[in-house]
């Protein structure tokens, strides 16, 4: 998956904003004297190449539209309980991010949702300080939940290992166990490739061959692009060991979308193209999701993306914890979110909870082919002694996080 930043045509659309754009999410008026619950969504934007498909151009309100819907949802309950929910959204460059987090804290905002990469999330969480509650809605790095975990951070974005395990369970259920792994040449591709290797060992799949697709830069889209792809990709993929599926590992969006229908051998493509593991998809309709999708489309005028859903989740954690505890301070909200009493309905067929040993939200992983939801993991037959969702990603015995204590 590419960074959340706006690029290319989408970036041009944002020139009407200042370099540090901010606006406030409005909600219905609450009772006089209501307790104010103020949160901020900070999105760090990166300039980069255009995505391969124009359908993937990030909208200006990426993530922020999810904040609008979540604030409405929080206020629906909060106005009857004496709470007034307000959310500020802020889009910044990487260079502006440290000042932005300092300004938020100086103004007393201590509930902060981040849409940023792993390094930025870690640095901004440290800058926010232990008194703040930071909700990671973007970074997938497992290390943020493990060796680099922070007690003031809860994670609603799934990890790379959760996404990899969600896909691998489906492949094992289908008995497609021989994998031809093609990975990109960027650091995030290496992290995702390792997550898939670990998942293959965990569930008993076999990676029969690996190849690296080196990003050599240059234009990826041209008038004759399909002609070049139709000739080059088959040659690149030919001669591989016998395999059931092609596993594309391409978070940088360099080559994976070109693989379906172009591989030398006629095999399904999974991973970063074809059948993809995601936290959310606009085609999801089960468990009341159709009504949820329509409400979002009313707010945003477009389909919901993963970033929107993850920001919605983060703010709903705040709303649910405040409504249940009657408190609005970060320490109380964090303690309740990590407790056995917390659960959040999120249109995925079961209540979502947090792993109290590293602050990661448990959640099903959707498997989508871009037009519909093909399946949802955990898959049938994958068992766990306490919670089936803990078959996805690092389990308690595997954790290296010490910030949350042994008895959380």
Protein backbone atom coordinates (compact mmCIF):
# COMPACT_ATOMS: atom_id res chain seq x y z
CA UNK A 1 0.00 0.00 0.00
CA UNK A 2 1.30 3.45 -0.89
CA UNK A 3 1.74 6.22 1.70
CA UNK A 4 -1.36 8.15 2.65
CA UNK A 5 0.03 11.30 1.13
CA UNK A 6 -1.55 13.06 -1.79
CA UNK A 7 0.31 12.85 -5.07
CA UNK A 8 0.09 13.87 -8.69
CA UNK A 9 -3.34 15.06 -9.73
CA UNK A 10 -4.66 14.75 -6.20
CA UNK A 11 -1.88 16.98 -4.93
CA UNK A 12 -2.77 19.63 -7.51
CA UNK A 13 -6.30 19.60 -6.20
CA UNK A 14 -4.96 20.44 -2.78
CA UNK A 15 -3.17 23.62 -3.79
CA UNK A 16 -6.19 25.55 -2.65
CA UNK A 17 -5.36 24.55 0.90
CA UNK A 18 -2.59 26.17 2.91
CA UNK A 19 0.54 24.10 3.50
CA UNK A 20 -0.93 23.21 6.88
CA UNK A 21 -4.63 22.76 6.16
CA UNK A 22 -7.08 22.45 9.04
CA UNK A 23 -10.82 22.43 9.47
CA UNK A 24 -13.25 21.40 12.16
CA UNK A 25 -15.76 18.57 11.96
CA UNK A 26 -19.13 19.87 13.03
CA UNK A 27 -21.68 17.81 14.94
CA UNK A 28 -25.18 18.40 16.28
CA UNK A 29 -25.48 20.85 19.16
CA UNK A 30 -25.26 19.15 22.57
CA UNK A 31 -26.84 20.10 25.86
CA UNK A 32 -25.66 23.24 27.60
CA UNK A 33 -22.92 22.42 30.08
CA UNK A 34 -22.00 19.20 28.28
CA UNK A 35 -18.54 17.72 28.79
CA UNK A 36 -16.42 18.50 25.75
CA UNK A 37 -14.49 15.63 24.18
CA UNK A 38 -12.07 17.17 21.70
CA UNK A 39 -9.95 15.04 19.39
CA UNK A 40 -7.68 15.75 16.44
CA UNK A 41 -6.90 13.77 13.29
CA UNK A 42 -3.40 14.52 12.00
CA UNK A 43 -2.60 13.26 8.49
CA UNK A 44 0.95 13.41 7.16
CA UNK A 45 0.97 13.75 3.37
CA UNK A 46 3.82 12.66 1.11
CA UNK A 47 4.50 13.65 -2.46
CA UNK A 48 5.06 10.71 -4.74
CA UNK A 49 4.34 9.09 -8.05
CA UNK A 50 0.85 8.80 -9.39
CA UNK A 51 -0.75 5.44 -8.59
CA UNK A 52 -0.90 3.04 -11.50
CA UNK A 53 -4.70 3.31 -11.66
CA UNK A 54 -6.46 6.66 -11.63
CA UNK A 55 -9.13 4.95 -9.52
CA UNK A 56 -6.58 4.95 -6.68
CA UNK A 57 -5.94 8.71 -6.63
CA UNK A 58 -6.36 9.71 -2.98
CA UNK A 59 -9.19 12.19 -2.32
CA UNK A 60 -8.49 15.44 -0.53
CA UNK A 61 -10.58 14.33 2.46
CA UNK A 62 -8.93 10.91 2.81
CA UNK A 63 -9.44 9.84 6.41
CA UNK A 64 -11.12 13.11 7.28
CA UNK A 65 -14.46 11.97 5.86
CA UNK A 66 -14.33 9.04 8.27
CA UNK A 67 -13.82 11.56 11.06
CA UNK A 68 -16.99 13.43 10.05
CA UNK A 69 -19.08 10.25 10.21
CA UNK A 70 -17.52 9.09 13.48
CA UNK A 71 -18.15 12.46 15.11
CA UNK A 72 -21.79 12.31 14.03
CA UNK A 73 -22.08 8.79 15.45
CA UNK A 74 -20.42 9.76 18.72
CA UNK A 75 -22.65 12.80 19.06
CA UNK A 76 -25.81 10.79 18.47
CA UNK A 77 -25.26 9.00 21.78
CA UNK A 78 -23.17 11.64 23.50
CA UNK A 79 -25.76 14.42 23.38
CA UNK A 80 -28.06 12.34 25.61
CA UNK A 81 -25.26 11.51 28.06
CA UNK A 82 -23.91 15.00 28.55
CA UNK A 83 -21.01 14.84 26.07
CA UNK A 84 -20.17 17.14 23.19
CA UNK A 85 -17.80 15.53 20.67
CA UNK A 86 -15.66 17.70 18.40
CA UNK A 87 -12.94 16.68 15.97
CA UNK A 88 -10.30 18.84 14.34
CA UNK A 89 -8.56 17.59 11.19
CA UNK A 90 -5.15 18.66 10.01
CA UNK A 91 -3.12 17.76 6.89
CA UNK A 92 0.59 18.50 7.04
CA UNK A 93 3.83 17.68 5.27
CA UNK A 94 6.43 15.54 7.08
CA UNK A 95 8.41 18.70 7.81
CA UNK A 96 5.40 20.39 9.39
CA UNK A 97 4.31 17.40 11.48
CA UNK A 98 6.48 18.03 14.61
CA UNK A 99 5.22 21.60 14.93
CA UNK A 100 1.65 20.47 14.32
CA UNK A 101 1.75 17.93 17.15
CA UNK A 102 3.33 20.51 19.47
CA UNK A 103 0.61 23.03 18.61
CA UNK A 104 -2.14 20.50 19.27
CA UNK A 105 -0.72 19.62 22.66
CA UNK A 106 -0.20 23.30 23.53
CA UNK A 107 -3.91 23.89 22.88
CA UNK A 108 -4.84 21.07 25.22
CA UNK A 109 -5.73 18.46 22.60
CA UNK A 110 -4.62 15.14 24.09
CA UNK A 111 -6.72 12.70 22.01
CA UNK A 112 -4.91 12.41 18.69
CA UNK A 113 -5.54 10.12 15.71
CA UNK A 114 -2.57 9.70 13.37
CA UNK A 115 -2.50 8.84 9.67
CA UNK A 116 1.23 8.55 9.07
CA UNK A 117 3.94 6.01 8.27
CA UNK A 118 5.69 3.97 10.94
CA UNK A 119 8.65 6.24 11.64
CA UNK A 120 6.43 9.30 11.78
CA UNK A 121 3.89 7.63 14.02
CA UNK A 122 6.58 6.65 16.51
CA UNK A 123 8.17 10.11 16.56
CA UNK A 124 4.85 11.94 16.85
CA UNK A 125 3.61 9.64 19.61
CA UNK A 126 6.78 10.33 21.58
CA UNK A 127 6.39 14.06 20.96
CA UNK A 128 2.78 13.96 22.15
CA UNK A 129 3.96 12.71 25.53
CA UNK A 130 2.71 10.06 27.96
CA UNK A 131 -0.28 12.17 29.04
CA UNK A 132 -1.80 12.00 25.54
CA UNK A 133 -3.70 9.12 23.98
CA UNK A 134 -2.58 8.49 20.41
CA UNK A 135 -4.57 6.22 18.09
CA UNK A 136 -2.62 4.86 15.14
CA UNK A 137 -4.98 4.70 12.17
CA UNK A 138 -2.37 4.32 9.45
CA UNK A 139 0.95 2.61 10.20
CA UNK A 140 1.02 -1.16 9.71
CA UNK A 141 4.49 -1.80 11.10
CA UNK A 142 4.53 -4.73 13.51
CA UNK A 143 7.44 -3.18 15.42
CA UNK A 144 5.16 -0.38 16.66
CA UNK A 145 3.23 -3.05 18.55
CA UNK A 146 6.31 -4.99 19.57
CA UNK A 147 9.88 -3.81 20.27
CA UNK A 148 8.94 -0.16 19.60
CA UNK A 149 5.54 -0.20 21.33
CA UNK A 150 4.48 2.82 23.38
CA UNK A 151 2.08 2.81 26.31
CA UNK A 152 0.31 5.94 25.04
CA UNK A 153 -0.55 4.41 21.64
CA UNK A 154 -3.50 2.22 20.67
CA UNK A 155 -3.52 0.74 17.17
CA UNK A 156 -6.67 0.45 15.08
CA UNK A 157 -4.84 -0.09 11.77
CA UNK A 158 -4.14 -3.81 11.24
CA UNK A 159 -0.52 -4.92 11.11
CA UNK A 160 1.19 -6.40 8.10
CA UNK A 161 1.23 -9.74 9.92
CA UNK A 162 -2.55 -9.60 10.48
CA UNK A 163 -3.16 -8.88 6.80
CA UNK A 164 -0.73 -11.61 5.72
CA UNK A 165 -2.30 -14.15 8.08
CA UNK A 166 -5.79 -13.26 6.88
CA UNK A 167 -4.83 -14.00 3.29
CA UNK A 168 -2.73 -17.06 4.16
CA UNK A 169 -5.60 -18.69 6.06
CA UNK A 170 -7.78 -18.41 2.97
CA UNK A 171 -5.07 -19.89 0.74
CA UNK A 172 -4.68 -22.80 3.14
CA UNK A 173 -8.46 -23.31 3.25
CA UNK A 174 -8.42 -23.44 -0.57
CA UNK A 175 -5.39 -25.78 -0.46
CA UNK A 176 -3.41 -23.33 -2.58
CA UNK A 177 -0.23 -23.93 -0.63
CA UNK A 178 2.55 -23.43 -3.20
CA UNK A 179 3.37 -19.74 -3.48
CA UNK A 180 5.43 -17.84 -6.06
CA UNK A 181 6.40 -14.63 -4.23
CA UNK A 182 7.29 -11.52 -6.24
CA UNK A 183 8.31 -8.56 -4.07
CA UNK A 184 9.26 -4.96 -4.75
CA UNK A 185 12.57 -3.29 -4.00
CA UNK A 186 11.44 -0.69 -1.42
CA UNK A 187 11.91 -1.03 2.37
CA UNK A 188 8.18 -1.38 3.02
CA UNK A 189 8.06 -4.19 0.47
CA UNK A 190 10.77 -6.01 2.43
CA UNK A 191 8.71 -5.71 5.63
CA UNK A 192 5.59 -7.04 3.94
CA UNK A 193 7.52 -9.89 2.29
CA UNK A 194 8.84 -10.96 5.69
CA UNK A 195 5.30 -10.90 7.08
CA UNK A 196 4.22 -13.28 4.32
CA UNK A 197 7.22 -15.56 4.89
CA UNK A 198 6.38 -15.74 8.59
CA UNK A 199 2.73 -16.42 7.80
CA UNK A 200 3.63 -19.19 5.35
CA UNK A 201 5.73 -20.91 8.03
CA UNK A 202 2.97 -20.40 10.61
CA UNK A 203 0.24 -22.07 8.57
CA UNK A 204 2.27 -24.58 6.56
CA UNK A 205 2.37 -23.02 3.08
CA UNK A 206 5.49 -23.23 0.93
CA UNK A 207 7.12 -20.38 -0.95
CA UNK A 208 8.53 -22.28 -3.92
CA UNK A 209 10.36 -19.30 -5.44
CA UNK A 210 10.99 -15.60 -4.84
CA UNK A 211 11.82 -12.88 -7.33
CA UNK A 212 12.42 -9.16 -6.90
CA UNK A 213 10.84 -6.59 -9.17
CA UNK A 214 13.28 -3.68 -9.08
CA UNK A 215 11.80 -0.19 -9.30
CA UNK A 216 13.99 1.59 -11.83
CA UNK A 217 11.92 4.79 -11.80
CA UNK A 218 10.62 6.51 -14.87
CA UNK A 219 7.11 6.76 -16.21
CA UNK A 220 4.85 3.82 -15.45
CA UNK A 221 1.87 4.97 -17.51
CA UNK A 222 1.93 5.90 -21.19
CA UNK A 223 -0.24 5.61 -24.27
CA UNK A 224 1.43 2.30 -25.11
CA UNK A 225 1.76 1.10 -21.52
CA UNK A 226 -0.48 -1.93 -21.94
CA UNK A 227 1.60 -3.08 -24.92
CA UNK A 228 4.84 -3.01 -22.91
CA UNK A 229 3.20 -4.73 -19.93
CA UNK A 230 1.72 -7.43 -22.14
CA UNK A 231 5.21 -8.25 -23.40
CA UNK A 232 7.35 -7.69 -20.31
CA UNK A 233 5.41 -9.23 -17.41
CA UNK A 234 5.05 -12.70 -18.98
CA UNK A 235 8.80 -12.78 -19.65
CA UNK A 236 9.56 -11.62 -16.11
CA UNK A 237 7.36 -14.31 -14.55
CA UNK A 238 8.22 -17.26 -16.78
CA UNK A 239 10.24 -20.28 -15.73
CA UNK A 240 9.07 -20.30 -12.09
CA UNK A 241 8.78 -23.43 -10.01
CA UNK A 242 5.37 -25.09 -10.08
CA UNK A 243 3.00 -22.93 -8.00
CA UNK A 244 -0.67 -22.49 -7.13
CA UNK A 245 -0.76 -18.70 -6.81
CA UNK A 246 1.40 -15.64 -7.47
CA UNK A 247 1.86 -13.68 -4.24
CA UNK A 248 2.49 -10.02 -5.10
CA UNK A 249 4.25 -7.93 -2.44
CA UNK A 250 4.18 -4.31 -3.56
CA UNK A 251 3.22 -1.68 -0.98
CA UNK A 252 4.72 1.01 -3.22
CA UNK A 253 2.28 0.32 -6.08
CA UNK A 254 5.03 -0.19 -8.64
CA UNK A 255 4.11 -3.41 -10.45
CA UNK A 256 1.47 -5.56 -8.70
CA UNK A 257 -1.62 -4.27 -10.58
CA UNK A 258 0.03 -5.35 -13.83
CA UNK A 259 0.33 -9.01 -12.78
CA UNK A 260 -3.26 -10.31 -13.17
CA UNK A 261 -3.82 -11.76 -16.67
CA UNK A 262 -0.17 -11.15 -17.63
CA UNK A 263 1.72 -13.91 -15.80
CA UNK A 264 3.39 -16.61 -17.87
CA UNK A 265 1.46 -19.39 -16.15
CA UNK A 266 -2.31 -19.01 -15.70
CA UNK A 267 -2.46 -18.63 -11.93
CA UNK A 268 -4.45 -16.42 -9.53
CA UNK A 269 -2.70 -13.32 -8.21
CA UNK A 270 -3.06 -12.46 -4.51
CA UNK A 271 -1.56 -9.98 -2.06
CA UNK A 272 -1.03 -6.46 -3.40
CA UNK A 273 -3.22 -7.18 -6.44
CA UNK A 274 -5.95 -9.61 -7.35
CA UNK A 275 -7.29 -10.96 -4.06
CA UNK A 276 -6.18 -8.43 -1.43
CA UNK A 277 -6.37 -8.47 2.38
CA UNK A 278 -7.84 -5.16 3.61
CA UNK A 279 -9.32 -3.60 6.73
CA UNK A 280 -12.31 -2.32 4.76
CA UNK A 281 -13.76 -2.21 1.28
CA UNK A 282 -16.52 -0.18 -0.32
CA UNK A 283 -18.23 -3.36 -1.56
CA UNK A 284 -18.75 -4.73 1.97
CA UNK A 285 -22.49 -5.27 2.57
CA UNK A 286 -22.81 -7.86 5.34
CA UNK A 287 -23.65 -7.24 9.01
CA UNK A 288 -25.37 -3.91 8.43
CA UNK A 289 -22.49 -2.53 6.35
CA UNK A 290 -24.73 -1.41 3.48
CA UNK A 291 -26.43 1.18 5.66
CA UNK A 292 -23.04 2.22 7.03
CA UNK A 293 -21.66 2.63 3.51
CA UNK A 294 -24.64 4.74 2.49
CA UNK A 295 -24.25 7.04 5.48
CA UNK A 296 -20.60 7.55 4.59
CA UNK A 297 -21.40 8.22 0.95
CA UNK A 298 -23.94 10.84 2.07
CA UNK A 299 -21.19 12.56 4.05
CA UNK A 300 -18.34 12.23 1.57
CA UNK A 301 -19.95 11.82 -1.86
CA UNK A 302 -17.64 8.88 -2.58
CA UNK A 303 -17.01 5.28 -1.44
CA UNK A 304 -15.27 4.61 1.87
CA UNK A 305 -11.58 3.71 1.80
CA UNK A 306 -9.50 1.88 4.37
CA UNK A 307 -8.09 5.10 5.81
CA UNK A 308 -11.60 6.49 6.30
CA UNK A 309 -12.69 3.34 8.09
CA UNK A 310 -9.62 3.30 10.32
CA UNK A 311 -10.09 6.92 11.36
CA UNK A 312 -13.78 6.18 11.99
CA UNK A 313 -12.73 3.24 14.18
CA UNK A 314 -10.27 5.35 16.16
CA UNK A 315 -12.78 8.07 16.94
CA UNK A 316 -15.47 5.52 17.75
CA UNK A 317 -13.09 3.99 20.32
CA UNK A 318 -12.97 7.41 21.98
CA UNK A 319 -16.75 7.82 21.77
CA UNK A 320 -17.52 4.36 23.11
CA UNK A 321 -15.05 4.63 25.98
CA UNK A 322 -16.29 8.09 26.98
CA UNK A 323 -19.94 7.04 26.84
CA UNK A 324 -19.32 3.94 28.96
CA UNK A 325 -17.08 5.53 31.58
CA UNK A 326 -18.59 8.99 31.76
CA UNK A 327 -15.05 10.40 31.53
CA UNK A 328 -13.07 12.19 28.86
CA UNK A 329 -9.46 12.12 30.07
CA UNK A 330 -6.91 10.01 28.13
CA UNK A 331 -5.96 7.77 31.07
CA UNK A 332 -9.58 6.73 31.73
CA UNK A 333 -10.35 6.17 28.06
CA UNK A 334 -7.19 4.11 27.56
CA UNK A 335 -7.84 1.97 30.63
CA UNK A 336 -11.39 1.21 29.55
CA UNK A 337 -10.38 0.45 25.93
CA UNK A 338 -7.85 -2.12 27.17
CA UNK A 339 -10.26 -3.68 29.65
CA UNK A 340 -12.39 -6.79 29.15
CA UNK A 341 -15.49 -4.60 29.26
CA UNK A 342 -14.67 -2.78 26.02
CA UNK A 343 -16.14 -3.90 22.71
CA UNK A 344 -16.98 -2.01 19.55
CA UNK A 345 -19.53 -2.86 16.88
CA UNK A 346 -17.88 -2.17 13.54
CA UNK A 347 -19.84 -3.94 10.75
CA UNK A 348 -17.48 -6.91 10.55
CA UNK A 349 -19.65 -9.62 12.05
CA UNK A 350 -18.25 -9.53 15.58
CA UNK A 351 -17.29 -7.07 18.27
CA UNK A 352 -13.80 -5.59 18.11
CA UNK A 353 -11.56 -5.49 21.18
CA UNK A 354 -7.97 -4.60 22.02
CA UNK A 355 -5.05 -6.88 22.79
CA UNK A 356 -4.10 -5.64 26.22
CA UNK A 357 -0.48 -6.72 25.86
CA UNK A 358 0.38 -4.38 22.98
CA UNK A 359 -2.59 -2.12 22.26
CA UNK A 360 -3.54 -3.67 18.90
CA UNK A 361 -7.21 -3.84 17.97
CA UNK A 362 -8.41 -7.32 17.09
CA UNK A 363 -10.44 -7.32 13.90
CA UNK A 364 -11.43 -9.58 11.01
CA UNK A 365 -9.57 -9.10 7.73
CA UNK A 366 -11.61 -8.73 4.54
CA UNK A 367 -10.41 -10.40 1.34
CA UNK A 368 -11.47 -8.35 -1.65
CA UNK A 369 -11.01 -8.60 -5.40
CA UNK A 370 -11.84 -4.88 -5.80
CA UNK A 371 -15.49 -5.46 -6.77
CA UNK A 372 -16.75 -7.62 -3.90
CA UNK A 373 -15.79 -9.21 -0.61
CA UNK A 374 -14.64 -12.73 -1.48
CA UNK A 375 -14.17 -13.92 2.11
CA UNK A 376 -13.48 -12.77 5.66
CA UNK A 377 -10.75 -14.14 7.93
CA UNK A 378 -10.33 -15.82 10.42
CA UNK A 379 -11.30 -18.78 8.27
CA UNK A 380 -13.28 -21.77 9.45
CA UNK A 381 -11.10 -24.35 11.17
CA UNK A 382 -8.41 -22.00 12.48
CA UNK A 383 -8.80 -22.25 16.24
CA UNK A 384 -7.44 -20.37 19.23
CA UNK A 385 -7.64 -21.08 22.96
CA UNK A 386 -9.12 -17.68 23.85
CA UNK A 387 -10.05 -15.57 20.81
CA UNK A 388 -10.23 -16.62 17.15
CA UNK A 389 -9.12 -13.15 16.08
CA UNK A 390 -5.78 -13.81 17.76
CA UNK A 391 -5.00 -16.26 14.95
CA UNK A 392 -4.31 -13.08 12.93
CA UNK A 393 -0.99 -11.42 13.69
CA UNK A 394 1.30 -11.72 16.72
CA UNK A 395 -0.23 -13.59 19.65
CA UNK A 396 0.50 -12.93 23.32
CA UNK A 397 3.27 -15.59 23.60
CA UNK A 398 5.07 -14.00 20.64
CA UNK A 399 4.98 -10.39 21.81
CA UNK A 400 8.10 -8.44 22.66
CA UNK A 401 6.16 -5.39 23.91
CA UNK A 402 6.90 -4.54 27.55
CA UNK A 403 5.26 -1.09 27.75
CA UNK A 404 1.84 -2.48 28.65
CA UNK A 405 2.95 -4.61 31.60
CA UNK A 406 2.49 -8.33 32.19
CA UNK A 407 -0.90 -8.22 33.85
CA UNK A 408 -2.78 -5.77 31.62
